[in-house]
C-alpha atoms as a PDB file:
ATOM      1  CA  MET A   1     -21.552   5.427 -24.822  1.00  0.00           C
ATOM      2  CA  LYS A   2     -19.254   1.674 -24.451  1.00  0.00           C
ATOM      3  CA  ASN A   3     -21.432  -0.984 -25.658  1.00  0.00           C
ATOM      4  CA  PRO A   4     -21.042  -3.881 -22.688  1.00  0.00           C
ATOM      5  CA  MET A   5     -21.267  -6.441 -25.703  1.00  0.00           C
ATOM      6  CA  ALA A   6     -17.840  -4.728 -27.136  1.00  0.00           C
ATOM      7  CA  VAL A   7     -15.616  -4.888 -23.933  1.00  0.00           C
ATOM      8  CA  SER A   8     -12.770  -7.032 -24.827  1.00  0.00           C
ATOM      9  CA  PRO A   9     -11.637 -10.354 -23.353  1.00  0.00           C
ATOM     10  CA  THR A  10      -8.732  -8.441 -21.707  1.00  0.00           C
ATOM     11  CA  ASP A  11     -11.053  -6.094 -19.917  1.00  0.00           C
ATOM     12  CA  ARG A  12     -12.960  -8.993 -18.699  1.00  0.00           C
ATOM     13  CA  HIS A  13     -10.034 -10.813 -17.572  1.00  0.00           C
ATOM     14  CA  ALA A  14      -8.886  -7.968 -15.444  1.00  0.00           C
ATOM     15  CA  ALA A  15     -12.292  -7.203 -14.087  1.00  0.00           C
ATOM     16  CA  LEU A  16     -12.178 -10.829 -12.937  1.00  0.00           C
ATOM     17  CA  VAL A  17      -9.027 -10.786 -11.475  1.00  0.00           C
ATOM     18  CA  GLN A  18      -9.856  -7.775  -9.573  1.00  0.00           C
ATOM     19  CA  SER A  19     -12.767  -9.140  -8.260  1.00  0.00           C
ATOM     20  CA  LEU A  20     -11.671 -12.616  -7.121  1.00  0.00           C
ATOM     21  CA  GLY A  21      -8.835 -10.678  -5.480  1.00  0.00           C
ATOM     22  CA  LEU A  22     -10.463  -8.549  -3.354  1.00  0.00           C
ATOM     23  CA  ALA A  23     -12.796 -11.012  -2.373  1.00  0.00           C
ATOM     24  CA  ILE A  24      -9.932 -13.465  -1.483  1.00  0.00           C
ATOM     25  CA  ALA A  25      -8.117 -10.441   0.296  1.00  0.00           C
ATOM     26  CA  ASP A  26     -11.021  -9.495   2.450  1.00  0.00           C
ATOM     27  CA  GLY A  27     -11.941 -13.016   3.507  1.00  0.00           C
ATOM     28  CA  ALA A  28     -15.407 -13.151   1.401  1.00  0.00           C
ATOM     29  CA  LEU A  29     -13.551 -15.980  -0.545  1.00  0.00           C
ATOM     30  CA  ALA A  30     -12.518 -17.882   2.488  1.00  0.00           C
ATOM     31  CA  PRO A  31      -9.406 -20.129   3.116  1.00  0.00           C
ATOM     32  CA  ASN A  32      -9.755 -23.627   1.824  1.00  0.00           C
ATOM     33  CA  SER A  33     -13.006 -22.900   0.155  1.00  0.00           C
ATOM     34  CA  LEU A  34     -13.727 -24.423  -3.148  1.00  0.00           C
ATOM     35  CA  VAL A  35     -13.791 -22.045  -6.454  1.00  0.00           C
ATOM     36  CA  ARG A  36     -16.076 -23.590  -8.845  1.00  0.00           C
ATOM     37  CA  LEU A  37     -15.007 -22.271 -12.214  1.00  0.00           C
ATOM     38  CA  ASP A  38     -18.219 -22.894 -13.819  1.00  0.00           C
ATOM     39  CA  GLU A  39     -20.000 -20.908 -11.428  1.00  0.00           C
ATOM     40  CA  LEU A  40     -17.544 -18.131 -11.949  1.00  0.00           C
ATOM     41  CA  GLU A  41     -18.580 -18.230 -15.730  1.00  0.00           C
ATOM     42  CA  THR A  42     -22.181 -17.801 -15.142  1.00  0.00           C
ATOM     43  CA  GLN A  43     -21.948 -15.140 -12.307  1.00  0.00           C
ATOM     44  CA  HIS A  44     -19.516 -12.886 -14.514  1.00  0.00           C
ATOM     45  CA  LYS A  45     -20.964 -13.626 -17.850  1.00  0.00           C
ATOM     46  CA  VAL A  46     -17.539 -14.441 -18.903  1.00  0.00           C
ATOM     47  CA  SER A  47     -16.033 -17.560 -21.136  1.00  0.00           C
ATOM     48  CA  ARG A  48     -14.101 -20.350 -19.770  1.00  0.00           C
ATOM     49  CA  SER A  49     -11.019 -19.409 -21.119  1.00  0.00           C
ATOM     50  CA  VAL A  50     -11.355 -15.847 -19.431  1.00  0.00           C
ATOM     51  CA  VAL A  51     -11.945 -18.032 -15.770  1.00  0.00           C
ATOM     52  CA  ARG A  52      -8.975 -20.230 -16.242  1.00  0.00           C
ATOM     53  CA  GLU A  53      -6.745 -17.076 -17.338  1.00  0.00           C
ATOM     54  CA  ALA A  54      -8.076 -15.444 -14.014  1.00  0.00           C
ATOM     55  CA  ALA A  55      -7.652 -18.607 -12.002  1.00  0.00           C
ATOM     56  CA  ARG A  56      -4.040 -18.808 -13.571  1.00  0.00           C
ATOM     57  CA  VAL A  57      -2.997 -15.143 -12.493  1.00  0.00           C
ATOM     58  CA  LEU A  58      -4.415 -15.692  -8.867  1.00  0.00           C
ATOM     59  CA  SER A  59      -2.663 -19.130  -8.578  1.00  0.00           C
ATOM     60  CA  SER A  60       0.569 -17.386  -9.812  1.00  0.00           C
ATOM     61  CA  LYS A  61       0.228 -14.900  -7.115  1.00  0.00           C
ATOM     62  CA  GLY A  62      -0.613 -18.001  -4.611  1.00  0.00           C
ATOM     63  CA  MET A  63      -3.999 -16.899  -3.781  1.00  0.00           C
ATOM     64  CA  LEU A  64      -5.370 -20.173  -5.449  1.00  0.00           C
ATOM     65  CA  ALA A  65      -4.161 -23.385  -5.991  1.00  0.00           C
ATOM     66  CA  SER A  66      -5.469 -26.366  -8.182  1.00  0.00           C
ATOM     67  CA  ARG A  67      -6.063 -29.865  -6.683  1.00  0.00           C
ATOM     68  CA  ARG A  68      -6.407 -33.030  -8.481  1.00  0.00           C
ATOM     69  CA  ARG A  69     -10.032 -34.489  -8.048  1.00  0.00           C
ATOM     70  CA  PHE A  70     -10.836 -31.712  -5.841  1.00  0.00           C
ATOM     71  CA  GLY A  71     -10.710 -28.542  -7.713  1.00  0.00           C
ATOM     72  CA  THR A  72      -9.774 -25.038  -7.240  1.00  0.00           C
ATOM     73  CA  VAL A  73      -9.146 -23.747  -3.532  1.00  0.00           C
ATOM     74  CA  VAL A  74      -8.346 -20.488  -2.005  1.00  0.00           C
ATOM     75  CA  GLN A  75      -5.050 -20.297  -0.347  1.00  0.00           C
ATOM     76  CA  PRO A  76      -4.564 -19.436   3.332  1.00  0.00           C
ATOM     77  CA  GLU A  77      -3.067 -15.804   3.507  1.00  0.00           C
ATOM     78  CA  GLU A  78       0.561 -17.540   4.304  1.00  0.00           C
ATOM     79  CA  GLU A  79       0.757 -18.755   0.857  1.00  0.00           C
ATOM     80  CA  TRP A  80       0.263 -15.860  -1.209  1.00  0.00           C
ATOM     81  CA  ASN A  81       2.809 -14.003  -2.484  1.00  0.00           C
ATOM     82  CA  LEU A  82       2.828 -10.516   0.072  1.00  0.00           C
ATOM     83  CA  TYR A  83       5.226  -8.421  -2.206  1.00  0.00           C
ATOM     84  CA  ASP A  84       3.079  -8.568  -5.184  1.00  0.00           C
ATOM     85  CA  PRO A  85       1.813  -5.151  -5.773  1.00  0.00           C
ATOM     86  CA  GLN A  86      -1.652  -6.038  -6.830  1.00  0.00           C
ATOM     87  CA  VAL A  87      -1.982  -8.384  -3.474  1.00  0.00           C
ATOM     88  CA  ILE A  88      -0.704  -5.179  -1.303  1.00  0.00           C
ATOM     89  CA  ARG A  89      -3.523  -3.315  -2.738  1.00  0.00           C
ATOM     90  CA  TRP A  90      -6.130  -5.786  -2.683  1.00  0.00           C
ATOM     91  CA  ARG A  91      -4.991  -6.235   1.303  1.00  0.00           C
ATOM     92  CA  LEU A  92      -5.052  -2.531   1.676  1.00  0.00           C
ATOM     93  CA  ALA A  93      -8.685  -2.019   0.109  1.00  0.00           C
ATOM     94  CA  SER A  94     -10.018  -5.094   2.732  1.00  0.00           C
ATOM     95  CA  SER A  95     -11.486  -4.465   6.147  1.00  0.00           C
ATOM     96  CA  ARG A  96      -7.725  -5.652   7.512  1.00  0.00           C
ATOM     97  CA  ARG A  97      -6.252  -2.136   5.710  1.00  0.00           C
ATOM     98  CA  LEU A  98      -4.907  -0.804   9.150  1.00  0.00           C
ATOM     99  CA  GLU A  99      -3.362  -4.106  10.069  1.00  0.00           C
ATOM    100  CA  GLN A 100      -1.947  -4.446   6.295  1.00  0.00           C
ATOM    101  CA  LEU A 101      -0.459  -1.229   6.474  1.00  0.00           C
ATOM    102  CA  GLN A 102       1.439  -1.491   9.928  1.00  0.00           C
ATOM    103  CA  SER A 103       2.719  -5.049   8.716  1.00  0.00           C
ATOM    104  CA  LEU A 104       4.664  -3.292   5.564  1.00  0.00           C
ATOM    105  CA  ASN A 105       5.626  -0.040   7.597  1.00  0.00           C
ATOM    106  CA  GLU A 106       7.130  -2.539   9.973  1.00  0.00           C
ATOM    107  CA  LEU A 107       8.872  -4.025   6.830  1.00  0.00           C
ATOM    108  CA  ARG A 108       9.700  -0.443   6.067  1.00  0.00           C
ATOM    109  CA  GLY A 109      11.215   0.181   9.321  1.00  0.00           C
ATOM    110  CA  ALA A 110      13.605  -2.797   8.734  1.00  0.00           C
ATOM    111  CA  ILE A 111      14.755  -1.561   5.451  1.00  0.00           C
ATOM    112  CA  GLU A 112      14.401   2.052   4.567  1.00  0.00           C
ATOM    113  CA  PRO A 113      16.579   3.388   7.391  1.00  0.00           C
ATOM    114  CA  GLN A 114      19.531   1.105   6.397  1.00  0.00           C
ATOM    115  CA  ALA A 115      19.138   2.159   3.145  1.00  0.00           C
ATOM    116  CA  ALA A 116      19.610   5.965   4.005  1.00  0.00           C
ATOM    117  CA  ARG A 117      22.559   4.581   6.299  1.00  0.00           C
ATOM    118  CA  LEU A 118      24.101   3.059   3.155  1.00  0.00           C
ATOM    119  CA  ALA A 119      23.093   5.843   0.940  1.00  0.00           C
ATOM    120  CA  ALA A 120      24.951   8.295   3.116  1.00  0.00           C
ATOM    121  CA  GLU A 121      28.452   6.160   2.842  1.00  0.00           C
ATOM    122  CA  ARG A 122      27.802   5.410  -0.694  1.00  0.00           C
ATOM    123  CA  ALA A 123      26.133   7.562  -2.820  1.00  0.00           C
ATOM    124  CA  SER A 124      27.801  10.420  -4.552  1.00  0.00           C
ATOM    125  CA  TRP A 125      27.529  14.275  -3.794  1.00  0.00           C
ATOM    126  CA  ASP A 126      25.424  14.978  -7.032  1.00  0.00           C
ATOM    127  CA  ALA A 127      23.093  12.057  -5.917  1.00  0.00           C
ATOM    128  CA  GLY A 128      22.722  13.859  -2.159  1.00  0.00           C
ATOM    129  CA  SER A 129      22.069  16.958  -3.816  1.00  0.00           C
ATOM    130  CA  ASP A 130      19.470  15.534  -5.728  1.00  0.00           C
ATOM    131  CA  LEU A 131      17.904  14.278  -2.875  1.00  0.00           C
ATOM    132  CA  VAL A 132      18.134  17.809  -0.998  1.00  0.00           C
ATOM    133  CA  SER A 133      16.462  19.135  -4.201  1.00  0.00           C
ATOM    134  CA  GLN A 134      13.832  16.384  -4.001  1.00  0.00           C
ATOM    135  CA  ALA A 135      13.255  17.252  -0.183  1.00  0.00           C
ATOM    136  CA  ALA A 136      12.647  20.967  -0.983  1.00  0.00           C
ATOM    137  CA  ARG A 137       9.789  20.155  -3.468  1.00  0.00           C
ATOM    138  CA  LEU A 138       8.348  17.742  -1.452  1.00  0.00           C
ATOM    139  CA  TRP A 139       8.385  20.437   1.726  1.00  0.00           C
ATOM    140  CA  ALA A 140       7.025  23.011  -0.792  1.00  0.00           C
ATOM    141  CA  ALA A 141       4.184  20.646  -1.945  1.00  0.00           C
ATOM    142  CA  GLY A 142       3.520  19.582   1.638  1.00  0.00           C
ATOM    143  CA  GLN A 143       3.221  23.448   2.459  1.00  0.00           C
ATOM    144  CA  ARG A 144       0.701  24.270  -0.488  1.00  0.00           C
ATOM    145  CA  GLY A 145      -1.466  21.218   0.475  1.00  0.00           C
ATOM    146  CA  ASP A 146      -0.942  19.790  -2.954  1.00  0.00           C
ATOM    147  CA  ARG A 147      -1.425  16.234  -2.031  1.00  0.00           C
ATOM    148  CA  GLU A 148      -1.456  14.782  -5.299  1.00  0.00           C
ATOM    149  CA  GLU A 149       2.037  16.379  -5.955  1.00  0.00           C
ATOM    150  CA  PHE A 150       2.886  15.591  -2.746  1.00  0.00           C
ATOM    151  CA  LEU A 151       2.433  11.664  -3.010  1.00  0.00           C
ATOM    152  CA  ARG A 152       4.234  11.901  -6.308  1.00  0.00           C
ATOM    153  CA  LEU A 153       7.353  13.484  -4.690  1.00  0.00           C
ATOM    154  CA  ASP A 154       7.122  11.421  -1.619  1.00  0.00           C
ATOM    155  CA  VAL A 155       7.386   8.259  -3.937  1.00  0.00           C
ATOM    156  CA  GLU A 156       9.902   9.519  -5.703  1.00  0.00           C
ATOM    157  CA  PHE A 157      11.921  10.752  -2.582  1.00  0.00           C
ATOM    158  CA  HIS A 158      11.934   7.211  -1.145  1.00  0.00           C
ATOM    159  CA  THR A 159      12.629   5.657  -4.309  1.00  0.00           C
ATOM    160  CA  ALA A 160      15.552   7.593  -4.584  1.00  0.00           C
ATOM    161  CA  VAL A 161      16.965   6.542  -0.937  1.00  0.00           C
ATOM    162  CA  LEU A 162      16.518   2.973  -2.119  1.00  0.00           C
ATOM    163  CA  GLN A 163      18.609   3.355  -5.234  1.00  0.00           C
ATOM    164  CA  ALA A 164      21.044   5.283  -3.798  1.00  0.00           C
ATOM    165  CA  SER A 165      21.821   2.843  -1.111  1.00  0.00           C
ATOM    166  CA  GLY A 166      23.716   0.794  -3.808  1.00  0.00           C
ATOM    167  CA  ASN A 167      21.718  -2.420  -2.864  1.00  0.00           C
ATOM    168  CA  ALA A 168      20.183  -3.818  -5.900  1.00  0.00           C
ATOM    169  CA  MET A 169      17.725  -5.572  -3.534  1.00  0.00           C
ATOM    170  CA  PHE A 170      16.646  -2.586  -1.515  1.00  0.00           C
ATOM    171  CA  ALA A 171      15.903  -0.529  -4.667  1.00  0.00           C
ATOM    172  CA  GLN A 172      13.641  -3.600  -5.959  1.00  0.00           C
ATOM    173  CA  LEU A 173      11.455  -2.968  -2.874  1.00  0.00           C
ATOM    174  CA  GLN A 174      10.620   0.757  -4.209  1.00  0.00           C
ATOM    175  CA  ASN A 175       7.405  -0.442  -5.520  1.00  0.00           C
ATOM    176  CA  LEU A 176       6.462  -2.015  -2.193  1.00  0.00           C
ATOM    177  CA  VAL A 177       7.324   1.162  -0.345  1.00  0.00           C
ATOM    178  CA  ALA A 178       5.257   3.024  -3.122  1.00  0.00           C
ATOM    179  CA  GLU A 179       2.036   0.979  -2.563  1.00  0.00           C
ATOM    180  CA  VAL A 180       2.138   1.957   1.126  1.00  0.00           C
ATOM    181  CA  LEU A 181       2.595   5.560   0.461  1.00  0.00           C
ATOM    182  CA  THR A 182      -0.503   5.504  -2.207  1.00  0.00           C
ATOM    183  CA  GLY A 183      -2.298   3.157  -0.262  1.00  0.00           C
ATOM    184  CA  ARG A 184      -2.137   5.480   3.334  1.00  0.00           C
ATOM    185  CA  THR A 185      -3.362   8.358   0.680  1.00  0.00           C
ATOM    186  CA  GLN A 186      -6.088   6.624  -0.995  1.00  0.00           C
ATOM    187  CA  HIS A 187      -7.615   5.277   2.150  1.00  0.00           C
ATOM    188  CA  GLY A 188      -7.517   8.207   3.951  1.00  0.00           C
ATOM    189  CA  LEU A 189      -4.735   7.534   6.400  1.00  0.00           C
ATOM    190  CA  MET A 190      -2.924  10.754   5.656  1.00  0.00           C
ATOM    191  CA  PRO A 191      -3.148  13.865   7.543  1.00  0.00           C
ATOM    192  CA  ASN A 192      -4.645  16.930   5.329  1.00  0.00           C
ATOM    193  CA  LEU A 193      -1.488  18.493   5.374  1.00  0.00           C
ATOM    194  CA  PRO A 194       1.701  16.848   6.370  1.00  0.00           C
ATOM    195  CA  HIS A 195       3.191  17.332   9.676  1.00  0.00           C
ATOM    196  CA  HIS A 196       5.827  19.984  10.050  1.00  0.00           C
ATOM    197  CA  GLU A 197       8.053  17.396  11.681  1.00  0.00           C
ATOM    198  CA  ALA A 198       7.527  14.816   8.843  1.00  0.00           C
ATOM    199  CA  LEU A 199       8.666  17.649   6.199  1.00  0.00           C
ATOM    200  CA  GLN A 200      11.711  18.510   8.305  1.00  0.00           C
ATOM    201  CA  LEU A 201      12.694  14.651   8.335  1.00  0.00           C
ATOM    202  CA  HIS A 202      12.576  14.554   4.704  1.00  0.00           C
ATOM    203  CA  VAL A 203      14.952  17.496   4.760  1.00  0.00           C
ATOM    204  CA  ASP A 204      17.372  15.794   7.337  1.00  0.00           C
ATOM    205  CA  VAL A 205      17.643  12.508   5.839  1.00  0.00           C
ATOM    206  CA  ALA A 206      18.888  14.121   2.228  1.00  0.00           C
ATOM    207  CA  SER A 207      21.001  16.519   4.284  1.00  0.00           C
ATOM    208  CA  ALA A 208      22.712  13.923   5.824  1.00  0.00           C
ATOM    209  CA  ILE A 209      23.327  11.452   2.985  1.00  0.00           C
ATOM    210  CA  GLN A 210      24.651  14.639   0.822  1.00  0.00           C
ATOM    211  CA  ARG A 211      26.996  15.059   3.976  1.00  0.00           C
ATOM    212  CA  GLY A 212      27.622  11.294   4.570  1.00  0.00           C
ATOM    213  CA  GLU A 213      26.446  11.212   8.036  1.00  0.00           C
ATOM    214  CA  ALA A 214      25.147   7.631   8.285  1.00  0.00           C
ATOM    215  CA  ALA A 215      24.007   7.576  11.877  1.00  0.00           C
ATOM    216  CA  ALA A 216      22.141  10.906  11.226  1.00  0.00           C
ATOM    217  CA  ALA A 217      20.286   9.523   7.789  1.00  0.00           C
ATOM    218  CA  HIS A 218      19.300   6.065   9.473  1.00  0.00           C
ATOM    219  CA  ALA A 219      17.806   8.071  12.805  1.00  0.00           C
ATOM    220  CA  ALA A 220      15.947  10.659  10.499  1.00  0.00           C
ATOM    221  CA  MET A 221      14.350   7.415   8.429  1.00  0.00           C
ATOM    222  CA  SER A 222      13.981   5.493  11.284  1.00  0.00           C
ATOM    223  CA  ARG A 223      11.517   8.812  12.649  1.00  0.00           C
ATOM    224  CA  ILE A 224       9.640   9.143   9.356  1.00  0.00           C
ATOM    225  CA  VAL A 225       8.500   5.689   9.283  1.00  0.00           C
ATOM    226  CA  GLU A 226       7.617   5.703  13.063  1.00  0.00           C
ATOM    227  CA  GLN A 227       5.877   8.542  12.293  1.00  0.00           C
ATOM    228  CA  SER A 228       3.939   7.356   9.415  1.00  0.00           C
ATOM    229  CA  SER A 229       2.728   4.311  11.741  1.00  0.00           C
ATOM    230  CA  GLU A 230       1.653   6.581  14.685  1.00  0.00           C
ATOM    231  CA  GLU A 231      -0.448   8.851  12.235  1.00  0.00           C
ATOM    232  CA  MET A 232      -1.958   5.749  10.780  1.00  0.00           C
ATOM    233  CA  SER A 233      -3.021   4.351  13.745  1.00  0.00           C
ATOM    234  CA  HIS A 234      -4.415   7.903  15.463  1.00  0.00           C
ATOM    235  CA  ILE A 235      -6.433   8.669  12.050  1.00  0.00           C
ATOM    236  CA  TRP A 236      -7.993   5.215  11.910  1.00  0.00           C
ATOM    237  CA  SER A 237      -8.678   5.370  15.706  1.00  0.00           C
ATOM    238  CA  GLU A 238      -9.875   8.404  15.454  1.00  0.00           C
ATOM    239  CA  HIS A 239     -12.242   7.464  12.576  1.00  0.00           C
ATOM    240  CA  HIS A 240     -13.694   4.465  13.854  1.00  0.00           C
ATOM    241  CA  HIS A 241     -14.244   5.927  17.155  1.00  0.00           C
ATOM    242  CA  GLY A 242     -15.907   8.629  15.916  1.00  0.00           C
ATOM    243  CA  GLY A 243     -18.337   6.355  13.781  1.00  0.00           C
ATOM    244  CA  ALA A 244     -19.107   4.635  17.061  1.00  0.00           C
ATOM    245  CA  ASP A 245     -20.118   7.700  19.018  1.00  0.00           C
ATOM    246  CA  THR A 246     -21.945   8.993  15.953  1.00  0.00           C
ATOM    247  CA  ALA A 247     -24.344   5.430  16.015  1.00  0.00           C
ATOM    248  CA  GLU A 248     -24.566   5.581  19.751  1.00  0.00           C
ATOM    249  CA  ARG A 249     -26.129   9.363  19.238  1.00  0.00           C
ATOM    250  CA  GLN A 250     -28.472   8.298  16.809  1.00  0.00           C
ATOM    251  CA  SER A 251     -29.660   5.398  18.636  1.00  0.00           C
ATOM    252  CA  GLY A 252     -30.370   7.538  21.674  1.00  0.00           C
ATOM    253  CA  GLU A 253     -32.111   9.564  19.694  1.00  0.00           C
ATOM    254  CA  SER A 254     -34.292   7.220  17.790  1.00  0.00           C
ATOM    255  CA  ASP A 255     -35.110   5.867  21.670  1.00  0.00           C
ATOM    256  CA  GLY A 256     -36.158   9.329  22.831  1.00  0.00           C
ATOM    257  CA  ALA A 257     -33.180   9.535  25.124  1.00  0.00           C
ATOM    258  CA  PRO A 258     -32.419  13.116  26.368  1.00  0.00           C
ATOM    259  CA  GLN A 259     -29.708  14.903  24.395  1.00  0.00           C
END
């Protein structure tokens, strides 16, 4: 068993960054509120150097700012680096995760269809063939219900399309897309089994890119992103309405209401 006293400063630093990042993303530490570093030392049982380094990391992400004669202050969301993978993860773990996922999906809708169009215009035949093979493996994993393998292949597929676009700026958004795909799976906003249409659409994107059909590649990728947003909204709504119905039934039972 690991001795708590033996936890390294690096581990303590990472844990503090994670704790503060989540608290800021979820609003537990409100915008413009003061963060007292001495209190963090006591609360988290860490050294001042660990606290300062954690504050430095969060400041680099735009979530904290040091103000002279005032202290360390939580920044409003518009100041955060919303493309930072950690910030994305913290927002996805917050109570506003659906809003975050929809925002990210809107960004995907602006980028990925155009990346697919460019890939159809620029990718080599071999690159297109690789995408077709990836789509086939993705289909097989979805049919098997292998969610872990499906997620891995889905991330690989969308990354490959961004890279095949030949646009280096698009390619650098691969981590953002990976966080979206991973986040919706981790937070239960993905169907237990991928819908047949979603699997077919990935095949359609790959085939269109291989054949050099730019408009078809754009249309199929647009539909993938649209369907993803529709699925997330439906699952979220179903989950929360179901929870409300359950609570209402339980309340009725406790009041002796007829069932």
